[in-house]
Protein backbone atom coordinates (compact mmCIF):
# COMPACT_ATOMS: atom_id res chain seq x y z
CA MET A 1 -23.27 -20.25 -7.87
CA LYS A 2 -23.73 -19.30 -11.54
CA LEU A 3 -25.72 -16.08 -11.56
CA ARG A 4 -25.13 -13.88 -14.58
CA SER A 5 -24.38 -10.19 -14.72
CA GLY A 6 -25.18 -7.62 -17.39
CA THR A 7 -22.80 -7.77 -20.37
CA PHE A 8 -22.69 -4.86 -22.76
CA PHE A 9 -21.04 -3.90 -26.07
CA ALA A 10 -21.38 -7.12 -27.59
CA GLY A 11 10.00 -26.44 -9.89
CA ALA A 12 9.77 -25.16 -13.28
CA SER A 13 7.21 -27.90 -13.95
CA LEU A 14 4.43 -25.55 -12.88
CA VAL A 15 5.55 -22.91 -15.34
CA ALA A 16 5.92 -25.53 -18.06
CA MET A 17 2.38 -26.71 -17.35
CA LEU A 18 0.94 -23.22 -17.53
CA ILE A 19 2.85 -22.24 -20.67
CA ALA A 20 2.18 -25.51 -22.45
CA SER A 21 -1.53 -24.88 -22.22
CA ILE A 22 -1.22 -21.47 -23.81
CA GLY A 23 -1.55 -21.53 -27.58
CA ALA A 24 -2.25 -18.93 -30.23
CA SER A 25 -5.83 -20.12 -30.42
CA ARG A 26 -6.39 -19.21 -26.78
CA ALA A 27 -3.86 -16.76 -25.37
CA ASN A 28 -2.11 -13.96 -27.21
CA ASP A 29 0.68 -15.65 -29.17
CA SER A 30 3.28 -12.95 -28.50
CA VAL A 31 2.57 -12.98 -24.77
CA ALA A 32 2.69 -16.78 -24.68
CA LYS A 33 6.04 -16.74 -26.47
CA ALA A 34 7.47 -14.09 -24.14
CA ALA A 35 6.15 -15.87 -21.05
CA SER A 36 7.70 -19.16 -22.18
CA ASP A 37 11.17 -17.55 -22.23
CA PRO A 38 12.72 -18.48 -18.84
CA ASN A 39 15.02 -15.47 -19.10
CA GLY A 40 12.25 -12.87 -19.21
CA TRP A 41 9.46 -11.46 -17.10
CA ALA A 42 6.63 -10.98 -19.57
CA ILE A 43 3.66 -10.20 -17.32
CA ALA A 44 3.40 -8.29 -14.03
CA GLY A 45 2.91 -11.60 -12.18
CA HIS A 46 5.52 -13.35 -14.42
CA ASP A 47 2.93 -15.52 -16.19
CA TYR A 48 -0.81 -15.71 -16.87
CA GLY A 49 -1.21 -17.57 -13.57
CA ASN A 50 0.39 -14.76 -11.51
CA THR A 51 2.73 -17.28 -9.86
CA ARG A 52 5.69 -14.86 -9.63
CA PHE A 53 7.89 -17.97 -9.88
CA SER A 54 11.04 -17.90 -12.02
CA PRO A 55 12.90 -21.07 -13.08
CA LEU A 56 16.20 -19.15 -12.99
CA LYS A 57 18.69 -20.44 -10.42
CA GLN A 58 22.05 -18.83 -11.15
CA ILE A 59 21.31 -16.78 -8.04
CA ASN A 60 20.50 -19.31 -5.35
CA SER A 61 20.52 -19.98 -1.63
CA GLU A 62 24.22 -20.86 -1.78
CA ASN A 63 25.46 -17.59 -3.30
CA ALA A 64 22.74 -15.03 -2.52
CA GLY A 65 24.99 -13.49 0.12
CA LYS A 66 27.22 -12.24 -2.72
CA LEU A 67 24.52 -10.08 -4.35
CA GLN A 68 25.76 -6.63 -5.31
CA LEU A 69 24.24 -3.58 -6.95
CA VAL A 70 24.67 -3.52 -10.74
CA TYR A 71 22.87 -0.24 -11.36
CA SER A 72 20.16 2.02 -9.99
CA MET A 73 17.94 4.56 -11.68
CA SER A 74 15.94 7.46 -10.34
CA LEU A 75 12.32 7.26 -11.48
CA ALA A 76 12.00 11.07 -11.14
CA SER A 77 8.71 10.58 -9.31
CA LEU A 78 8.25 10.38 -5.55
CA ARG A 79 5.46 8.74 -3.51
CA SER A 80 4.02 5.23 -3.72
CA ASN A 81 6.13 3.71 -6.47
CA GLU A 82 4.67 0.19 -6.72
CA SER A 83 5.56 -1.04 -10.20
CA SER A 84 6.80 -4.53 -11.01
CA PRO A 85 8.88 -4.10 -14.18
CA ILE A 86 8.47 -6.40 -17.16
CA VAL A 87 11.39 -7.64 -19.23
CA ILE A 88 10.99 -8.54 -22.92
CA GLY A 89 14.22 -9.72 -24.55
CA LYS A 90 16.91 -7.33 -23.37
CA THR A 91 14.58 -4.44 -22.55
CA LEU A 92 13.11 -3.61 -19.17
CA TYR A 93 9.93 -1.52 -18.99
CA VAL A 94 9.00 0.26 -15.77
CA SER A 95 6.35 2.82 -14.85
CA THR A 96 6.33 5.41 -12.07
CA SER A 97 3.79 6.85 -9.67
CA TRP A 98 1.67 9.92 -10.42
CA GLY A 99 -0.20 8.84 -13.45
CA PRO A 100 2.24 7.29 -14.33
CA LYS A 101 4.41 10.35 -14.62
CA TYR A 102 6.78 8.37 -16.82
CA VAL A 103 7.15 4.99 -18.51
CA TYR A 104 10.77 4.05 -19.18
CA ALA A 105 12.32 1.51 -21.53
CA ILE A 106 15.90 0.70 -20.53
CA ASP A 107 18.63 -1.77 -21.31
CA ALA A 108 17.93 -4.51 -18.76
CA ALA A 109 21.64 -5.28 -18.25
CA THR A 110 23.07 -1.76 -18.00
CA GLY A 111 20.21 0.60 -17.18
CA ALA A 112 20.88 2.73 -20.27
CA ARG A 113 17.68 4.51 -21.20
CA LYS A 114 16.13 3.68 -24.59
CA TRP A 115 13.06 5.91 -24.42
CA THR A 116 10.81 7.79 -22.02
CA TRP A 117 7.09 8.41 -22.37
CA GLN A 118 5.37 11.15 -20.37
CA PRO A 119 1.58 11.36 -20.57
CA ASP A 120 -0.39 14.53 -19.88
CA ILE A 121 -2.03 13.65 -16.56
CA PRO A 122 -4.45 16.20 -15.04
CA ASP A 123 -3.29 17.91 -11.86
CA ASP A 124 -6.42 16.97 -9.89
CA VAL A 125 -6.14 13.17 -10.02
CA LEU A 126 -5.04 12.85 -6.39
CA GLN A 127 -8.46 13.77 -5.01
CA TYR A 128 -10.06 10.94 -6.99
CA ALA A 129 -7.43 8.30 -6.08
CA CYS A 130 -8.62 6.66 -2.88
CA CYS A 131 -5.40 4.94 -2.02
CA ASP A 132 -2.62 6.92 -3.64
CA VAL A 133 -1.24 7.95 -7.01
CA ASN A 134 0.38 4.59 -7.65
CA ASN A 135 0.92 2.66 -10.86
CA ARG A 136 1.77 -1.03 -10.62
CA GLY A 137 3.24 -1.64 -14.04
CA VAL A 138 2.61 -2.11 -17.74
CA SER A 139 1.64 -5.00 -20.03
CA TYR A 140 3.09 -6.23 -23.32
CA ALA A 141 1.69 -7.86 -26.49
CA ASP A 142 2.32 -7.73 -30.25
CA GLY A 143 5.13 -5.20 -30.02
CA LYS A 144 3.06 -2.85 -27.87
CA ILE A 145 3.22 -1.66 -24.27
CA PHE A 146 -0.14 -1.04 -22.55
CA VAL A 147 -0.54 1.22 -19.55
CA GLY A 148 -3.58 2.14 -17.44
CA ARG A 149 -3.68 5.72 -16.17
CA LEU A 150 -4.96 7.70 -13.18
CA ASP A 151 -7.10 9.79 -15.53
CA GLY A 152 -9.13 6.72 -16.45
CA LYS A 153 -7.49 6.13 -19.82
CA LEU A 154 -5.72 3.17 -21.42
CA THR A 155 -2.78 3.83 -23.74
CA ALA A 156 -0.87 1.65 -26.20
CA LEU A 157 2.78 2.51 -26.97
CA ASP A 158 5.19 1.18 -29.56
CA ALA A 159 7.52 -1.06 -27.55
CA GLU A 160 10.55 -0.15 -29.68
CA THR A 161 10.13 3.63 -29.80
CA GLY A 162 7.70 4.64 -27.05
CA LYS A 163 5.47 6.34 -29.61
CA GLU A 164 1.83 6.62 -28.52
CA LEU A 165 -0.32 4.47 -30.81
CA TRP A 166 -3.77 4.93 -29.32
CA THR A 167 -5.49 6.08 -26.15
CA SER A 168 -9.00 5.07 -25.10
CA THR A 169 -11.15 6.37 -22.28
CA VAL A 170 -12.09 3.55 -19.90
CA VAL A 171 -13.95 5.60 -17.28
CA ASP A 172 -14.47 9.19 -16.11
CA TYR A 173 -11.88 9.54 -13.34
CA LYS A 174 -13.84 12.41 -11.76
CA GLN A 175 -16.41 9.93 -10.41
CA GLY A 176 -13.55 8.54 -8.28
CA SER A 177 -12.28 5.94 -10.73
CA VAL A 178 -8.55 5.76 -11.42
CA ILE A 179 -6.56 2.94 -13.03
CA THR A 180 -3.54 1.81 -11.04
CA SER A 181 -2.82 -1.74 -12.26
CA PRO A 182 -1.66 -3.23 -15.57
CA PRO A 183 -4.27 -4.68 -17.94
CA LEU A 184 -4.50 -8.32 -19.01
CA VAL A 185 -4.04 -9.20 -22.70
CA VAL A 186 -5.90 -12.26 -24.02
CA ARG A 187 -5.78 -12.80 -27.80
CA ASP A 188 -6.81 -9.49 -29.41
CA LYS A 189 -8.30 -8.03 -26.21
CA VAL A 190 -6.77 -5.73 -23.61
CA ILE A 191 -8.88 -6.16 -20.47
CA THR A 192 -8.88 -3.68 -17.61
CA GLY A 193 -10.87 -2.61 -14.59
CA PHE A 194 -10.65 0.54 -12.48
CA GLY A 195 -10.89 1.69 -8.88
CA GLY A 196 -13.56 3.55 -6.97
CA GLY A 197 -15.22 1.28 -4.41
CA GLU A 198 -14.80 4.04 -1.81
CA TYR A 199 -16.49 6.58 -4.09
CA GLY A 200 -19.67 4.66 -4.80
CA VAL A 201 -18.89 3.84 -8.43
CA ARG A 202 -20.42 0.89 -10.22
CA GLY A 203 -17.52 -1.40 -11.07
CA SER A 204 -16.92 -3.01 -14.43
CA LEU A 205 -14.39 -4.82 -16.58
CA GLN A 206 -13.86 -3.70 -20.17
CA ALA A 207 -12.09 -5.22 -23.16
CA PHE A 208 -10.47 -3.09 -25.86
CA ASP A 209 -9.18 -4.07 -29.28
CA LEU A 210 -5.43 -4.50 -29.09
CA LYS A 211 -4.89 -2.95 -32.51
CA ASN A 212 -6.97 0.23 -32.29
CA GLY A 213 -8.35 0.64 -28.77
CA LYS A 214 -11.98 0.12 -29.76
CA LEU A 215 -14.28 -1.03 -26.94
CA LEU A 216 -15.31 -4.66 -27.52
CA TRP A 217 -17.29 -5.49 -24.38
CA GLN A 218 -18.10 -4.19 -20.93
CA THR A 219 -19.33 -6.27 -18.00
CA TYR A 220 -20.62 -4.55 -14.90
CA THR A 221 -19.59 -6.26 -11.69
CA VAL A 222 -22.67 -4.98 -9.86
CA PRO A 223 -26.10 -5.65 -11.41
CA ALA A 224 -28.48 -2.76 -12.07
CA PRO A 225 -32.19 -3.02 -11.11
CA GLY A 226 -33.88 -5.67 -13.19
CA GLU A 227 -30.67 -7.51 -14.07
CA PRO A 228 -29.92 -10.99 -12.67
CA GLY A 229 -28.58 -10.63 -9.13
CA SER A 230 -30.05 -7.18 -8.53
CA ASP A 231 -32.31 -8.63 -5.83
CA THR A 232 -29.18 -9.03 -3.69
CA TRP A 233 -29.21 -5.24 -3.23
CA LYS A 234 -31.65 -3.07 -1.32
CA GLY A 235 -33.58 -1.07 -3.89
CA ASP A 236 -31.35 0.53 -6.52
CA THR A 237 -28.31 0.88 -4.23
CA GLY A 238 -26.28 -1.32 -6.56
CA LEU A 239 -25.96 1.63 -8.92
CA HIS A 240 -23.43 3.04 -6.45
CA GLY A 241 -22.39 -0.35 -5.11
CA GLY A 242 -18.64 -0.48 -5.73
CA GLY A 243 -17.36 -3.90 -6.70
CA ALA A 244 -14.49 -2.34 -8.64
CA ALA A 245 -11.97 -4.68 -10.28
CA TRP A 246 -8.90 -2.53 -9.71
CA LEU A 247 -6.07 -5.03 -9.28
CA VAL A 248 -4.69 -7.63 -11.74
CA GLY A 249 -6.41 -10.47 -13.59
CA SER A 250 -5.29 -14.04 -14.33
CA TYR A 251 -5.98 -16.30 -17.31
CA ASP A 252 -6.26 -20.06 -17.85
CA ALA A 253 -5.97 -21.06 -21.51
CA LYS A 254 -7.23 -24.61 -21.00
CA SER A 255 -10.66 -23.46 -19.89
CA ASP A 256 -10.33 -20.11 -21.71
CA THR A 257 -11.25 -18.26 -18.53
CA VAL A 258 -10.19 -14.92 -17.07
CA TYR A 259 -10.25 -14.53 -13.27
CA TRP A 260 -10.59 -11.23 -11.45
CA GLY A 261 -11.30 -10.10 -7.89
CA THR A 262 -13.78 -7.36 -7.05
CA SER A 263 -13.68 -4.72 -4.34
CA ASN A 264 -15.82 -3.85 -1.35
CA PRO A 265 -19.45 -2.75 -1.73
CA GLY A 266 -20.40 0.87 -1.22
CA PRO A 267 -21.11 2.46 1.10
CA TRP A 268 -19.35 0.94 4.12
CA ASN A 269 -22.56 1.36 6.13
CA THR A 270 -24.30 -1.97 5.43
CA GLY A 271 -27.68 -0.60 6.51
CA VAL A 272 -27.87 1.36 3.24
CA ARG A 273 -27.50 -1.61 0.87
CA SER A 274 -28.38 -4.64 3.03
CA THR A 275 -30.01 -5.39 6.38
CA GLY A 276 -27.28 -3.81 8.51
CA ASP A 277 -26.78 -7.01 10.53
CA GLY A 278 -25.79 -10.63 10.07
CA ASN A 279 -29.28 -11.71 9.03
CA PHE A 280 -28.79 -10.43 5.50
CA GLY A 281 -30.38 -13.42 3.75
CA LYS A 282 -30.28 -12.83 0.01
CA LEU A 283 -29.03 -9.23 0.38
CA THR A 284 -25.44 -10.33 -0.20
CA ASN A 285 -24.55 -7.48 -2.59
CA LEU A 286 -23.40 -9.39 -5.68
CA TYR A 287 -20.75 -9.33 -7.11
CA THR A 288 -18.71 -7.41 -4.55
CA ALA A 289 -15.84 -8.89 -2.49
CA SER A 290 -15.83 -11.77 -4.94
CA THR A 291 -13.78 -13.83 -7.36
CA LEU A 292 -15.24 -13.78 -10.89
CA ALA A 293 -14.61 -16.31 -13.66
CA ILE A 294 -15.20 -14.60 -16.99
CA ASP A 295 -15.38 -15.60 -20.65
CA PRO A 296 -12.78 -13.35 -22.33
CA ASN A 297 -14.64 -13.51 -25.65
CA THR A 298 -17.87 -11.96 -24.38
CA GLY A 299 -17.26 -10.76 -20.84
CA LYS A 300 -19.96 -13.10 -19.52
CA ILE A 301 -19.56 -14.18 -15.89
CA LYS A 302 -19.31 -17.98 -15.81
CA TRP A 303 -19.34 -18.39 -12.02
CA HIS A 304 -18.33 -16.57 -8.88
CA ILE A 305 -17.17 -17.06 -5.31
CA GLN A 306 -18.23 -14.35 -2.87
CA GLY A 307 -15.66 -14.35 -0.06
CA THR A 308 -17.45 -11.81 2.15
CA PRO A 309 -21.21 -11.58 1.48
CA ALA A 310 -22.77 -8.27 2.59
CA ASP A 311 -19.29 -7.07 3.54
CA ALA A 312 -19.27 -4.79 6.59
CA TRP A 313 -15.49 -4.36 7.08
CA ASP A 314 -14.09 -3.15 3.72
CA TYR A 315 -12.70 -6.62 3.04
CA ASP A 316 -11.93 -5.95 -0.63
CA GLY A 317 -11.93 -9.14 -2.65
CA VAL A 318 -9.53 -7.79 -5.28
CA ASN A 319 -6.41 -9.73 -4.28
CA GLU A 320 -4.75 -11.56 -7.17
CA LEU A 321 -5.77 -15.08 -8.18
CA LEU A 322 -2.76 -17.39 -8.36
CA LEU A 323 -3.20 -20.40 -10.67
CA ALA A 324 -1.43 -23.73 -10.20
CA ASP A 325 -1.95 -27.49 -10.30
CA LEU A 326 -1.85 -29.03 -6.81
CA LYS A 327 -2.07 -32.64 -5.71
CA ILE A 328 -5.08 -32.67 -3.41
CA LYS A 329 -6.25 -35.97 -1.90
CA GLY A 330 -4.00 -37.77 -4.36
CA ALA A 331 -5.40 -36.12 -7.47
CA GLU A 332 -3.76 -33.43 -9.60
CA THR A 333 -6.19 -30.54 -9.36
CA PRO A 334 -6.33 -27.26 -11.32
CA VAL A 335 -6.75 -24.59 -8.65
CA LEU A 336 -6.84 -20.91 -8.07
CA MET A 337 -5.53 -19.53 -4.79
CA LYS A 338 -6.41 -16.28 -3.09
CA ALA A 339 -5.24 -14.81 0.20
CA ASP A 340 -8.39 -12.82 0.81
CA ARG A 341 -8.43 -9.56 2.74
CA ASN A 342 -10.87 -11.21 5.15
CA GLY A 343 -8.10 -13.43 6.51
CA PHE A 344 -9.06 -16.69 4.77
CA PHE A 345 -6.86 -18.46 2.21
CA PHE A 346 -9.10 -19.82 -0.54
CA VAL A 347 -8.24 -22.80 -2.73
CA ALA A 348 -10.83 -23.52 -5.42
CA ASN A 349 -11.07 -25.66 -8.52
CA ARG A 350 -10.54 -23.05 -11.21
CA GLU A 351 -12.53 -24.99 -13.80
CA THR A 352 -15.70 -25.45 -11.73
CA GLY A 353 -15.54 -22.76 -9.06
CA LYS A 354 -15.95 -25.33 -6.28
CA VAL A 355 -14.17 -24.17 -3.12
CA ILE A 356 -11.81 -26.88 -1.86
CA SER A 357 -10.62 -25.15 1.31
CA ALA A 358 -10.82 -21.78 3.04
CA GLU A 359 -8.66 -21.57 6.16
CA LYS A 360 -7.34 -18.67 8.23
CA TYR A 361 -3.81 -17.65 7.26
CA VAL A 362 -3.72 -14.74 9.76
CA PHE A 363 -5.49 -13.99 13.02
CA ALA A 364 -9.11 -13.33 12.02
CA ASN A 365 -11.83 -13.13 14.68
CA TRP A 366 -14.72 -11.66 12.67
CA ALA A 367 -15.69 -15.22 11.71
CA LYS A 368 -15.25 -18.60 13.36
CA LYS A 369 -14.78 -20.39 10.02
CA TRP A 370 -15.66 -20.18 6.35
CA ASP A 371 -18.02 -23.00 5.43
CA ILE A 372 -17.28 -24.41 1.97
CA ASN A 373 -20.71 -26.09 1.92
CA THR A 374 -22.83 -23.00 2.60
CA MET A 375 -20.32 -20.71 0.82
CA ARG A 376 -20.53 -18.30 3.74
CA ALA A 377 -18.56 -17.50 6.84
CA GLU A 378 -19.82 -18.45 10.28
CA GLU A 379 -19.60 -14.95 11.68
CA ASP A 380 -19.13 -13.77 15.24
CA PRO A 381 -22.18 -11.49 15.56
CA ASP A 382 -20.33 -9.23 18.01
CA LYS A 383 -17.80 -8.40 15.28
CA ARG A 384 -20.30 -7.33 12.60
CA PRO A 385 -20.89 -3.55 12.85
CA GLY A 386 -24.13 -1.96 11.73
CA PRO A 387 -26.62 0.77 12.61
CA GLY A 388 -26.90 0.93 16.39
CA HIS A 389 -24.28 -1.78 16.77
CA PRO A 390 -20.66 -0.58 16.89
CA ALA A 391 -18.09 -3.37 17.06
CA LYS A 392 -14.73 -3.48 18.78
CA ASP A 393 -11.45 -5.33 18.28
CA ILE A 394 -12.21 -6.66 14.81
CA CYS A 395 -9.38 -8.53 13.10
CA PRO A 396 -8.14 -8.13 10.46
CA ASN A 397 -8.26 -4.39 9.89
CA LEU A 398 -9.64 -2.92 6.65
CA ILE A 399 -6.20 -3.21 5.00
CA GLY A 400 -6.80 -6.93 5.26
CA GLY A 401 -4.81 -9.98 6.18
CA LYS A 402 -3.11 -9.26 2.85
CA ASN A 403 -3.37 -6.13 0.75
CA TRP A 404 -2.44 -5.60 -2.94
CA GLN A 405 1.22 -6.60 -2.48
CA PRO A 406 1.61 -9.80 -4.53
CA MET A 407 2.26 -13.26 -3.17
CA SER A 408 4.15 -15.98 -5.06
CA TYR A 409 4.11 -19.78 -5.40
CA ASN A 410 7.14 -22.08 -5.68
CA PRO A 411 6.37 -25.54 -7.15
CA GLY A 412 9.67 -26.86 -5.74
CA THR A 413 8.77 -26.13 -2.13
CA GLY A 414 5.00 -26.31 -2.63
CA LEU A 415 4.66 -23.09 -0.62
CA VAL A 416 2.94 -19.74 -1.18
CA TYR A 417 4.81 -16.70 0.16
CA ILE A 418 2.37 -14.11 1.48
CA PRO A 419 3.08 -10.59 2.78
CA THR A 420 0.54 -10.42 5.61
CA ASN A 421 -0.75 -7.78 8.04
CA ASN A 422 -1.57 -8.16 11.73
CA VAL A 423 -3.73 -5.09 12.38
CA CYS A 424 -7.19 -4.79 13.93
CA MET A 425 -9.85 -2.08 14.36
CA ASP A 426 -13.04 -0.83 15.94
CA TRP A 427 -15.91 0.07 13.61
CA SER A 428 -19.05 2.18 13.83
CA VAL A 429 -21.35 3.38 11.06
CA SER A 430 -23.04 6.69 10.37
CA ASP A 431 -25.50 8.15 7.88
CA VAL A 432 -24.12 8.84 4.43
CA ASN A 433 -25.38 10.21 1.12
CA TYR A 434 -23.89 9.68 -2.30
CA LYS A 435 -22.14 12.63 -3.93
CA ARG A 436 -20.25 12.07 -7.15
CA GLY A 437 -16.46 12.09 -6.81
CA VAL A 438 -16.51 12.18 -3.00
CA PHE A 439 -15.84 9.38 -0.49
CA TYR A 440 -19.01 7.32 0.06
CA LEU A 441 -18.24 5.56 3.35
CA GLY A 442 -20.42 6.14 6.40
CA ALA A 443 -18.04 4.57 8.92
CA GLU A 444 -15.37 5.28 11.52
CA PHE A 445 -12.64 2.69 11.97
CA PRO A 446 -9.93 3.44 14.57
CA THR A 447 -6.91 1.18 14.15
CA LYS A 448 -5.32 -1.16 16.69
CA GLY A 449 -2.35 -3.49 16.61
CA GLY A 450 -3.02 -7.19 16.32
CA PRO A 451 -2.10 -9.77 18.96
CA GLY A 452 1.48 -10.92 19.43
CA GLY A 453 3.40 -7.67 19.35
CA PHE A 454 4.00 -7.52 15.58
CA LEU A 455 2.12 -5.74 12.78
CA GLY A 456 3.18 -7.70 9.70
CA GLU A 457 4.62 -11.07 8.76
CA LEU A 458 6.01 -12.76 5.67
CA VAL A 459 4.23 -16.12 5.81
CA ALA A 460 5.22 -19.29 3.95
CA TRP A 461 1.91 -21.13 3.56
CA ASP A 462 1.24 -24.73 2.54
CA PRO A 463 -1.96 -24.55 0.41
CA VAL A 464 -2.53 -28.32 0.53
CA ALA A 465 -1.98 -28.91 4.25
CA ASN A 466 -3.52 -25.46 5.00
CA LYS A 467 -0.85 -24.41 7.50
CA LYS A 468 1.96 -21.93 8.03
CA VAL A 469 5.39 -23.48 7.55
CA TRP A 470 7.52 -20.49 8.58
CA GLY A 471 7.22 -16.77 9.08
CA ILE A 472 9.28 -13.60 9.45
CA LYS A 473 7.60 -11.10 11.76
CA GLU A 474 7.73 -7.36 11.03
CA ASP A 475 7.18 -4.34 13.26
CA LEU A 476 5.09 -2.64 10.55
CA PRO A 477 2.28 -3.70 8.19
CA PHE A 478 1.97 -3.12 4.43
CA ASN A 479 5.30 -4.66 3.48
CA GLY A 480 6.49 -5.62 0.00
CA GLY A 481 5.35 -8.26 -2.44
CA THR A 482 7.30 -11.47 -3.08
CA LEU A 483 9.24 -13.23 -5.82
CA THR A 484 10.33 -16.87 -5.62
CA THR A 485 12.78 -18.80 -7.77
CA ALA A 486 14.12 -22.27 -8.59
CA GLY A 487 17.25 -21.17 -6.75
CA ASN A 488 15.39 -21.87 -3.47
CA LEU A 489 14.92 -18.16 -2.84
CA VAL A 490 12.24 -15.69 -1.87
CA PHE A 491 12.86 -11.98 -2.39
CA SER A 492 10.84 -9.39 -0.46
CA GLY A 493 11.18 -5.92 1.04
CA ASN A 494 9.62 -4.01 3.92
CA LEU A 495 8.57 -0.49 4.85
CA HIS A 496 11.97 0.28 6.35
CA GLY A 497 13.47 -0.27 2.91
CA ASP A 498 15.18 -3.58 3.71
CA PHE A 499 15.34 -5.75 0.58
CA ARG A 500 16.11 -9.39 1.37
CA ALA A 501 16.94 -12.74 -0.16
CA ILE A 502 15.45 -15.53 1.95
CA ASP A 503 15.80 -19.31 1.95
CA ALA A 504 12.50 -20.51 0.50
CA LYS A 505 12.45 -23.71 2.55
CA ASN A 506 13.19 -22.43 6.04
CA GLY A 507 12.84 -18.64 6.04
CA LYS A 508 16.45 -17.85 6.87
CA VAL A 509 17.48 -14.36 5.72
CA LEU A 510 20.55 -14.87 3.52
CA TRP A 511 21.17 -11.29 2.37
CA SER A 512 19.70 -7.86 3.13
CA LYS A 513 20.27 -4.37 1.78
CA ASN A 514 18.56 -1.15 2.83
CA LEU A 515 17.45 0.83 -0.22
CA GLY A 516 16.48 4.10 1.45
CA SER A 517 12.69 4.09 1.04
CA GLY A 518 9.84 1.76 1.89
CA ILE A 519 9.15 -1.18 -0.42
CA GLY A 520 5.68 -2.32 -1.49
CA ALA A 521 6.33 -3.51 -5.04
CA GLY A 522 6.94 -7.10 -6.01
CA PRO A 523 10.51 -7.85 -7.18
CA VAL A 524 11.26 -9.49 -10.54
CA THR A 525 14.17 -11.51 -11.92
CA TYR A 526 15.49 -12.09 -15.44
CA SER A 527 18.61 -13.07 -17.36
CA VAL A 528 20.52 -11.25 -20.11
CA ASP A 529 23.40 -12.90 -21.97
CA GLY A 530 23.61 -15.64 -19.37
CA LYS A 531 23.61 -13.39 -16.30
CA GLN A 532 20.73 -13.34 -13.83
CA TYR A 533 19.50 -10.08 -12.31
CA VAL A 534 16.98 -9.17 -9.59
CA ALA A 535 15.14 -5.84 -9.84
CA ILE A 536 13.03 -3.95 -7.32
CA VAL A 537 11.24 -0.59 -7.36
CA VAL A 538 11.19 1.39 -4.10
CA GLY A 539 9.09 4.35 -2.94
CA ARG A 540 7.14 4.40 0.32
CA THR A 541 3.35 4.58 0.35
CA ALA A 542 1.86 7.91 1.42
CA SER A 543 -1.96 7.71 1.48
CA ILE A 544 -2.53 4.39 3.26
CA PRO A 545 -0.94 5.51 6.57
CA ALA A 546 -3.57 8.26 6.82
CA PHE A 547 -6.19 5.51 7.33
CA LEU A 548 -4.29 3.89 10.19
CA GLY A 549 -3.89 6.45 13.00
CA ASP A 550 -0.80 6.05 15.19
CA ILE A 551 0.26 2.94 13.31
CA GLY A 552 0.16 5.00 10.13
CA LYS A 553 2.46 7.59 11.72
CA LYS A 554 4.99 4.83 12.42
CA MET A 555 4.73 3.70 8.80
CA THR A 556 5.44 7.21 7.55
CA ALA A 557 8.36 7.66 9.97
CA ALA A 558 10.01 4.37 8.98
CA ALA A 559 11.55 5.73 5.76
CA PRO A 560 11.36 8.80 3.54
CA GLU A 561 9.47 8.88 0.26
CA GLY A 562 11.42 7.65 -2.71
CA GLY A 563 11.33 6.61 -6.32
CA SER A 564 14.09 4.40 -7.71
CA LEU A 565 14.80 1.15 -9.52
CA PHE A 566 17.59 -1.04 -8.12
CA VAL A 567 19.08 -4.01 -10.00
CA PHE A 568 21.32 -6.63 -8.37
CA ALA A 569 23.38 -9.61 -9.47
CA VAL A 570 26.00 -11.96 -8.01
CA GLN A 571 29.30 -10.34 -8.95
């Protein structure tokens, strides 16, 4: 599976393993140094492997019940606040929704504001942001803060002063391409994607010079006619084929490889770009709904795994790739893990791209299994919608078994903690024509609850044994991301605004506090002057419920909109 795409413009042991492999010759030296500090939170996912595991254990399963609020801060921006802060030294950096409307630098121990940056974001960005005006955080390297913006730009700020150093245009947002997630910094390159799979954009990843914002390379994630892989598309439909890389990337220094997931193909009507049924043959629509392994020096695609070939359900493949070393069949194996929207949990060798396992982590009836030999799912033909063939009771729903909310991995327990959804749907397709900057869908998808009387669940998953170890069921989907620590804890919130500390081994809720608005963001933890803190951003989603009918109305009613940062410690 090594087809190329067009490239243009020329226990703490896990963390120790990941950091040890990161040197100045491979990763960015300043990021590697910051990530090696157990007291900080240097990257949105904590480290280059997106493990969201902290070795801190001052707060632990014995004393978590004594957590108290240290300070809170209004973000002065309502609606879909989804940022995971980063902490460098004694400074916490957090972004808000709407652009972001603001980026703040504050004293991580007291909340005292050091500086505020407010970009000039156009008023019309909402109509080009498929899934809300969110911003999921910033990145750090070489004394700079990097932030992707809803207007399709990438900005570098001075980390000490907040002064704008440079701004580069990544993409024209008016085609339906906004940037909502933090970029990935590898050596002298700031790498970012953008959204737009629902608008018929042609996805790409781009690398910019860390010092001056100059474009260094661009790799399209969907091949144009005549490029390798273009024969997986009907005619020239790949030019509006989606495949946007809008979430976060991961990086492995040992193999010098960047990993990124790509979104759904466009349009949702598979008859436009493929055969419209399960007999799609080679019309798989590369490289959509896939995991890409990329050379950060050139942008060249090394290999790929397509989780949902010829996707017919909006099973975005963008979910984060979590890197770890697991003992599989007695051998220490470098893996990447992905809880795919399609309901399958993928474990693959991150050096070769060979899929080791792909098992259902939620109820998923669209396919009987995912065959690691054929690299395709064994589909239930009744669940694949297409022209003249509406399908009913498809699980999971288009928000996926897991959405963007981040999972985490604890090397002490060996478990992955996944915020999952239990929602299903019907699906029928209709004719559709491309129009720039407008939804390019061609489908109707009424929502239904999944089996069992619950709509979400925090699942502790064993990625070696491929089984659920424990779960906490929720009455709503789209709940918050997770953080796990060496203190035998998992932190996670839900749409009601309940923020909880949970025993990582058995799932017992040890502490809970309602924070007044729904939680989607992933929590972070850090230590300043010997004291450990846990931070969480709150602010209920607004756009996603509109896609989910009556279930969406329940999501909206669960809590008001909000926009705040809360920081806790054991007092």
